[in-house]
């Protein structure tokens, strides 16, 4: 009887424990949000190659060869600069790193900037 009660107690205590708490792998932000029923919604700042997740309120960008997600944009890039620059709402909801190659081909860094006006003197 004591062993059965112990097993029942252990199972009852696990009801609120996330599935991954017993795993050695930590979930990604996207996996965690999906488990909680939230989908990321990204805005891509073309000139800076920075993604902003408006759901999680975090920025995702490359830092060297690694992708990072942080609450602030990279050092040297002010939020005001991003907001004033060309941006595009993305139609994917998982990690930007899986789509970035296609995104930079569709939206090169100079996308959305006004063209220089050439005036000829006569």
N, C-alpha and C. Protein backbone atom coordinates (compact mmCIF):
# COMPACT_ATOMS: atom_id res chain seq x y z
N UNK A 1 0.83 -1.19 0.00
CA UNK A 1 0.00 0.00 0.00
C UNK A 1 0.87 1.25 0.00
N UNK A 2 1.94 1.25 0.76
CA UNK A 2 2.82 2.41 0.85
C UNK A 2 3.45 2.76 -0.49
N UNK A 3 3.85 1.76 -1.26
CA UNK A 3 4.46 2.00 -2.57
C UNK A 3 3.45 2.58 -3.56
N UNK A 4 2.23 2.09 -3.52
CA UNK A 4 1.18 2.60 -4.40
C UNK A 4 0.84 4.04 -4.07
N UNK A 5 0.81 4.37 -2.79
CA UNK A 5 0.53 5.74 -2.37
C UNK A 5 1.65 6.68 -2.80
N UNK A 6 2.89 6.20 -2.70
CA UNK A 6 4.04 6.99 -3.14
C UNK A 6 3.96 7.27 -4.64
N UNK A 7 3.63 6.26 -5.45
CA UNK A 7 3.51 6.44 -6.89
C UNK A 7 2.38 7.40 -7.23
N UNK A 8 1.25 7.29 -6.53
CA UNK A 8 0.12 8.18 -6.77
C UNK A 8 0.48 9.62 -6.41
N UNK A 9 1.21 9.81 -5.33
CA UNK A 9 1.65 11.13 -4.92
C UNK A 9 2.60 11.73 -5.94
N UNK A 10 3.50 10.91 -6.46
CA UNK A 10 4.44 11.40 -7.47
C UNK A 10 3.71 11.83 -8.74
N UNK A 11 2.73 11.04 -9.17
CA UNK A 11 1.98 11.38 -10.37
C UNK A 11 1.16 12.65 -10.17
N UNK A 12 0.56 12.80 -9.02
CA UNK A 12 -0.24 13.99 -8.74
C UNK A 12 0.64 15.24 -8.73
N UNK A 13 1.85 15.13 -8.26
CA UNK A 13 2.76 16.26 -8.21
C UNK A 13 3.26 16.67 -9.58
N UNK A 14 3.15 15.81 -10.57
CA UNK A 14 3.65 16.10 -11.92
C UNK A 14 2.62 16.78 -12.80
N UNK A 15 1.41 16.93 -12.33
CA UNK A 15 0.35 17.46 -13.18
C UNK A 15 0.66 18.85 -13.71
N UNK A 16 1.29 19.71 -12.91
CA UNK A 16 1.59 21.07 -13.34
C UNK A 16 3.01 21.23 -13.85
N UNK A 17 3.76 20.15 -13.91
CA UNK A 17 5.15 20.20 -14.33
C UNK A 17 5.22 20.09 -15.85
N UNK A 18 5.89 21.02 -16.53
CA UNK A 18 6.02 20.91 -17.99
C UNK A 18 6.71 19.62 -18.39
N UNK A 19 6.34 19.11 -19.53
CA UNK A 19 6.90 17.86 -20.04
C UNK A 19 8.42 17.90 -20.09
N UNK A 20 8.99 19.03 -20.49
CA UNK A 20 10.44 19.10 -20.67
C UNK A 20 11.21 19.24 -19.36
N UNK A 21 10.53 19.41 -18.22
CA UNK A 21 11.26 19.57 -16.96
C UNK A 21 12.02 18.31 -16.59
N UNK A 22 11.56 17.17 -17.08
CA UNK A 22 12.26 15.93 -16.80
C UNK A 22 13.24 15.56 -17.89
N UNK A 23 13.33 16.39 -18.91
CA UNK A 23 14.22 16.12 -20.04
C UNK A 23 15.52 16.89 -19.87
N UNK A 24 16.54 16.44 -20.52
CA UNK A 24 17.82 17.13 -20.44
C UNK A 24 17.93 18.24 -21.48
N UNK A 25 16.98 18.35 -22.39
CA UNK A 25 17.00 19.36 -23.44
C UNK A 25 16.09 20.51 -23.04
N UNK A 26 16.58 21.71 -23.13
CA UNK A 26 15.78 22.90 -22.82
C UNK A 26 15.05 23.32 -24.09
N UNK A 27 13.75 23.63 -24.01
CA UNK A 27 13.02 24.00 -25.22
C UNK A 27 13.44 25.36 -25.75
N UNK A 28 13.26 25.55 -27.04
CA UNK A 28 13.51 26.86 -27.64
C UNK A 28 12.36 27.78 -27.27
N UNK A 29 12.53 29.06 -27.49
CA UNK A 29 11.45 30.02 -27.23
C UNK A 29 10.22 29.65 -28.04
N UNK A 30 10.42 29.24 -29.30
CA UNK A 30 9.30 28.88 -30.16
C UNK A 30 8.55 27.66 -29.62
N UNK A 31 9.28 26.65 -29.12
CA UNK A 31 8.64 25.47 -28.57
C UNK A 31 7.85 25.82 -27.30
N UNK A 32 8.45 26.66 -26.48
CA UNK A 32 7.80 27.07 -25.25
C UNK A 32 6.52 27.84 -25.55
N UNK A 33 6.58 28.78 -26.50
CA UNK A 33 5.40 29.57 -26.85
C UNK A 33 4.33 28.70 -27.48
N UNK A 34 4.73 27.76 -28.32
CA UNK A 34 3.76 26.86 -28.93
C UNK A 34 3.05 26.02 -27.87
N UNK A 35 3.80 25.56 -26.87
CA UNK A 35 3.22 24.78 -25.79
C UNK A 35 2.23 25.61 -24.98
N UNK A 36 2.45 26.90 -24.91
CA UNK A 36 1.55 27.80 -24.16
C UNK A 36 0.47 28.39 -25.06
N UNK A 37 0.45 28.02 -26.34
CA UNK A 37 -0.58 28.48 -27.24
C UNK A 37 -0.33 29.85 -27.85
N UNK A 38 0.91 30.33 -27.81
CA UNK A 38 1.25 31.64 -28.40
C UNK A 38 2.09 31.43 -29.63
N UNK A 39 1.83 32.22 -30.66
CA UNK A 39 2.64 32.18 -31.86
C UNK A 39 3.40 33.48 -31.99
N UNK A 40 4.64 33.37 -32.39
CA UNK A 40 5.43 34.56 -32.63
C UNK A 40 4.93 35.28 -33.87
N UNK A 41 5.04 36.59 -33.86
CA UNK A 41 4.69 37.41 -35.00
C UNK A 41 5.87 38.36 -35.22
N UNK A 42 6.61 38.16 -36.30
CA UNK A 42 7.86 38.88 -36.52
C UNK A 42 7.73 40.06 -37.47
N UNK A 43 8.43 41.13 -37.12
CA UNK A 43 8.64 42.27 -38.00
C UNK A 43 10.13 42.24 -38.35
N UNK A 44 10.44 42.32 -39.63
CA UNK A 44 11.83 42.28 -40.08
C UNK A 44 12.29 43.68 -40.45
N UNK A 45 13.35 44.14 -39.81
CA UNK A 45 13.95 45.43 -40.12
C UNK A 45 15.06 45.19 -41.14
N UNK A 46 14.73 45.50 -42.37
CA UNK A 46 15.52 45.12 -43.54
C UNK A 46 16.96 45.62 -43.48
N UNK A 47 17.17 46.90 -43.25
CA UNK A 47 18.52 47.47 -43.29
C UNK A 47 19.44 46.92 -42.20
N UNK A 48 18.85 46.38 -41.14
CA UNK A 48 19.65 45.89 -40.00
C UNK A 48 19.66 44.37 -39.87
N UNK A 49 18.83 43.68 -40.67
CA UNK A 49 18.68 42.23 -40.58
C UNK A 49 18.35 41.81 -39.15
N UNK A 50 17.38 42.50 -38.58
CA UNK A 50 16.93 42.23 -37.21
C UNK A 50 15.43 41.91 -37.26
N UNK A 51 15.04 40.89 -36.51
CA UNK A 51 13.64 40.50 -36.40
C UNK A 51 13.13 40.90 -35.02
N UNK A 52 11.92 41.43 -34.98
CA UNK A 52 11.30 41.76 -33.70
C UNK A 52 10.06 40.89 -33.53
N UNK A 53 10.03 40.13 -32.46
CA UNK A 53 8.89 39.29 -32.14
C UNK A 53 7.92 40.13 -31.31
N UNK A 54 6.84 40.59 -31.92
CA UNK A 54 5.91 41.47 -31.23
C UNK A 54 5.09 40.73 -30.17
N UNK A 55 5.04 39.42 -30.24
CA UNK A 55 4.34 38.64 -29.22
C UNK A 55 5.18 38.54 -27.95
N UNK A 56 6.45 38.16 -28.12
CA UNK A 56 7.35 38.00 -26.96
C UNK A 56 8.09 39.28 -26.61
N UNK A 57 8.01 40.28 -27.51
CA UNK A 57 8.72 41.55 -27.33
C UNK A 57 10.22 41.35 -27.19
N UNK A 58 10.76 40.59 -28.15
CA UNK A 58 12.20 40.32 -28.17
C UNK A 58 12.73 40.47 -29.59
N UNK A 59 14.02 40.77 -29.66
CA UNK A 59 14.72 40.94 -30.93
C UNK A 59 15.55 39.69 -31.20
N UNK A 60 15.56 39.26 -32.45
CA UNK A 60 16.39 38.12 -32.87
C UNK A 60 17.28 38.60 -34.00
N UNK A 61 18.57 38.31 -33.88
CA UNK A 61 19.54 38.73 -34.88
C UNK A 61 20.78 37.87 -34.76
N UNK A 62 21.64 38.00 -35.77
CA UNK A 62 22.90 37.25 -35.73
C UNK A 62 23.94 38.04 -34.95
N UNK A 63 24.64 37.35 -34.10
CA UNK A 63 25.77 37.90 -33.36
C UNK A 63 26.97 37.05 -33.77
N UNK A 64 27.69 37.53 -34.78
CA UNK A 64 28.74 36.69 -35.38
C UNK A 64 28.07 35.60 -36.19
N UNK A 65 28.34 34.35 -35.84
CA UNK A 65 27.72 33.23 -36.55
C UNK A 65 26.54 32.64 -35.78
N UNK A 66 26.30 33.14 -34.58
CA UNK A 66 25.21 32.62 -33.74
C UNK A 66 23.97 33.51 -33.83
N UNK A 67 22.82 32.90 -33.73
CA UNK A 67 21.56 33.63 -33.62
C UNK A 67 21.27 33.85 -32.15
N UNK A 68 20.89 35.08 -31.80
CA UNK A 68 20.56 35.40 -30.41
C UNK A 68 19.18 36.04 -30.35
N UNK A 69 18.54 35.89 -29.22
CA UNK A 69 17.25 36.53 -28.97
C UNK A 69 17.38 37.27 -27.66
N UNK A 70 17.11 38.57 -27.70
CA UNK A 70 17.30 39.41 -26.52
C UNK A 70 16.18 40.44 -26.43
N UNK A 71 16.05 41.03 -25.26
CA UNK A 71 15.01 42.04 -25.02
C UNK A 71 15.33 43.37 -25.69
N UNK A 72 16.59 43.58 -26.04
CA UNK A 72 17.03 44.83 -26.66
C UNK A 72 17.68 44.53 -28.01
N UNK A 73 17.66 45.50 -28.93
CA UNK A 73 18.40 45.29 -30.18
C UNK A 73 19.90 45.26 -29.91
N UNK A 74 20.70 44.91 -30.89
CA UNK A 74 22.15 44.82 -30.66
C UNK A 74 22.74 46.17 -30.25
N UNK A 75 23.87 46.14 -29.57
CA UNK A 75 24.54 47.39 -29.18
C UNK A 75 24.77 48.28 -30.40
N UNK A 76 24.52 49.57 -30.23
CA UNK A 76 24.73 50.52 -31.32
C UNK A 76 23.52 50.72 -32.21
N UNK A 77 22.45 49.95 -32.01
CA UNK A 77 21.24 50.10 -32.81
C UNK A 77 20.10 50.50 -31.86
N UNK A 78 19.68 51.73 -31.97
CA UNK A 78 18.60 52.24 -31.11
C UNK A 78 17.25 51.82 -31.66
N UNK A 79 16.30 51.62 -30.77
CA UNK A 79 14.95 51.25 -31.17
C UNK A 79 14.37 52.27 -32.15
N UNK A 80 14.64 53.55 -31.91
CA UNK A 80 14.15 54.60 -32.81
C UNK A 80 14.68 54.46 -34.23
N UNK A 81 15.94 54.04 -34.37
CA UNK A 81 16.51 53.79 -35.71
C UNK A 81 15.75 52.67 -36.42
N UNK A 82 15.46 51.62 -35.67
CA UNK A 82 14.73 50.50 -36.26
C UNK A 82 13.34 50.94 -36.70
N UNK A 83 12.64 51.65 -35.83
CA UNK A 83 11.28 52.07 -36.13
C UNK A 83 11.21 53.02 -37.33
N UNK A 84 12.28 53.77 -37.57
CA UNK A 84 12.31 54.70 -38.70
C UNK A 84 12.78 54.05 -40.00
N UNK A 85 13.25 52.82 -39.92
CA UNK A 85 13.79 52.15 -41.10
C UNK A 85 12.72 51.28 -41.76
N UNK A 86 12.96 50.89 -43.03
CA UNK A 86 12.00 50.01 -43.72
C UNK A 86 11.84 48.69 -42.98
N UNK A 87 10.61 48.23 -42.87
CA UNK A 87 10.34 46.96 -42.19
C UNK A 87 9.22 46.22 -42.91
N UNK A 88 9.17 44.91 -42.66
CA UNK A 88 8.19 44.04 -43.31
C UNK A 88 7.65 43.07 -42.26
N UNK A 89 6.33 42.86 -42.27
CA UNK A 89 5.73 41.86 -41.40
C UNK A 89 5.94 40.49 -42.04
N UNK A 90 6.52 39.58 -41.29
CA UNK A 90 6.81 38.23 -41.81
C UNK A 90 5.59 37.34 -41.65
N UNK A 91 5.48 36.33 -42.51
CA UNK A 91 4.34 35.41 -42.43
C UNK A 91 4.71 34.06 -41.83
N UNK A 92 5.87 33.94 -41.20
CA UNK A 92 6.22 32.70 -40.50
C UNK A 92 6.12 32.95 -39.00
N UNK A 93 6.03 31.87 -38.23
CA UNK A 93 5.86 32.00 -36.79
C UNK A 93 6.90 31.20 -36.00
N UNK A 94 7.83 30.58 -36.70
CA UNK A 94 8.89 29.87 -35.99
C UNK A 94 10.17 30.71 -36.04
N UNK A 95 11.29 30.11 -35.77
CA UNK A 95 12.55 30.84 -35.65
C UNK A 95 12.98 31.50 -36.97
N UNK A 96 13.37 32.78 -36.91
CA UNK A 96 13.83 33.48 -38.12
C UNK A 96 15.02 32.79 -38.79
N UNK A 97 15.86 32.13 -38.02
CA UNK A 97 17.05 31.50 -38.62
C UNK A 97 16.68 30.49 -39.71
N UNK A 98 15.49 29.91 -39.65
CA UNK A 98 15.07 28.92 -40.64
C UNK A 98 14.65 29.60 -41.95
N UNK A 99 14.37 30.88 -41.92
CA UNK A 99 13.84 31.58 -43.09
C UNK A 99 14.76 32.69 -43.60
N UNK A 100 15.82 32.99 -42.87
CA UNK A 100 16.61 34.18 -43.14
C UNK A 100 17.20 34.22 -44.54
N UNK A 101 17.69 33.13 -45.05
CA UNK A 101 18.28 33.12 -46.40
C UNK A 101 17.25 33.55 -47.45
N UNK A 102 16.04 33.06 -47.35
CA UNK A 102 14.98 33.45 -48.29
C UNK A 102 14.60 34.92 -48.08
N UNK A 103 14.56 35.35 -46.81
CA UNK A 103 14.15 36.72 -46.51
C UNK A 103 15.15 37.72 -47.08
N UNK A 104 16.46 37.48 -46.92
CA UNK A 104 17.44 38.44 -47.42
C UNK A 104 17.49 38.49 -48.94
N UNK A 105 17.07 37.40 -49.59
CA UNK A 105 16.98 37.43 -51.06
C UNK A 105 15.76 38.25 -51.51
N UNK A 106 14.68 38.13 -50.78
CA UNK A 106 13.48 38.87 -51.13
C UNK A 106 13.57 40.34 -50.74
N UNK A 107 14.25 40.61 -49.62
CA UNK A 107 14.38 41.98 -49.11
C UNK A 107 15.85 42.30 -48.86
N UNK A 108 16.60 42.67 -49.90
CA UNK A 108 18.00 43.04 -49.70
C UNK A 108 18.11 44.29 -48.82
N UNK A 109 19.28 44.51 -48.25
CA UNK A 109 19.48 45.62 -47.30
C UNK A 109 19.03 46.98 -47.84
N UNK A 110 19.12 47.19 -49.15
CA UNK A 110 18.74 48.50 -49.70
C UNK A 110 17.26 48.54 -50.12
N UNK A 111 16.48 47.52 -49.78
CA UNK A 111 15.07 47.47 -50.13
C UNK A 111 14.31 48.58 -49.40
N UNK A 112 13.46 49.26 -50.11
CA UNK A 112 12.60 50.26 -49.50
C UNK A 112 13.21 51.63 -49.32
N UNK A 113 14.48 51.78 -49.66
CA UNK A 113 15.10 53.10 -49.56
C UNK A 113 14.77 53.90 -50.79
N UNK A 114 14.55 55.20 -50.64
CA UNK A 114 14.25 56.01 -51.82
C UNK A 114 15.43 56.05 -52.79
N UNK A 115 15.11 56.04 -54.04
CA UNK A 115 16.14 56.11 -55.08
C UNK A 115 16.68 57.55 -55.17
N UNK A 116 17.93 57.66 -55.49
CA UNK A 116 18.54 58.99 -55.66
C UNK A 116 17.96 59.63 -56.92
N UNK A 117 17.66 60.88 -56.84
CA UNK A 117 17.14 61.60 -57.99
C UNK A 117 18.30 62.29 -58.68
N UNK A 118 18.42 62.00 -59.96
CA UNK A 118 19.50 62.58 -60.74
C UNK A 118 18.92 63.72 -61.57
N UNK A 119 19.47 64.90 -61.37
CA UNK A 119 19.01 66.06 -62.12
C UNK A 119 20.15 66.46 -63.04
N UNK A 120 19.83 66.54 -64.33
CA UNK A 120 20.88 66.94 -65.27
C UNK A 120 20.82 68.45 -65.47
N UNK A 121 21.96 69.06 -65.53
CA UNK A 121 22.04 70.51 -65.75
C UNK A 121 22.02 70.77 -67.24
N UNK A 122 21.21 71.71 -67.70
CA UNK A 122 21.15 72.03 -69.13
C UNK A 122 21.46 73.45 -69.34
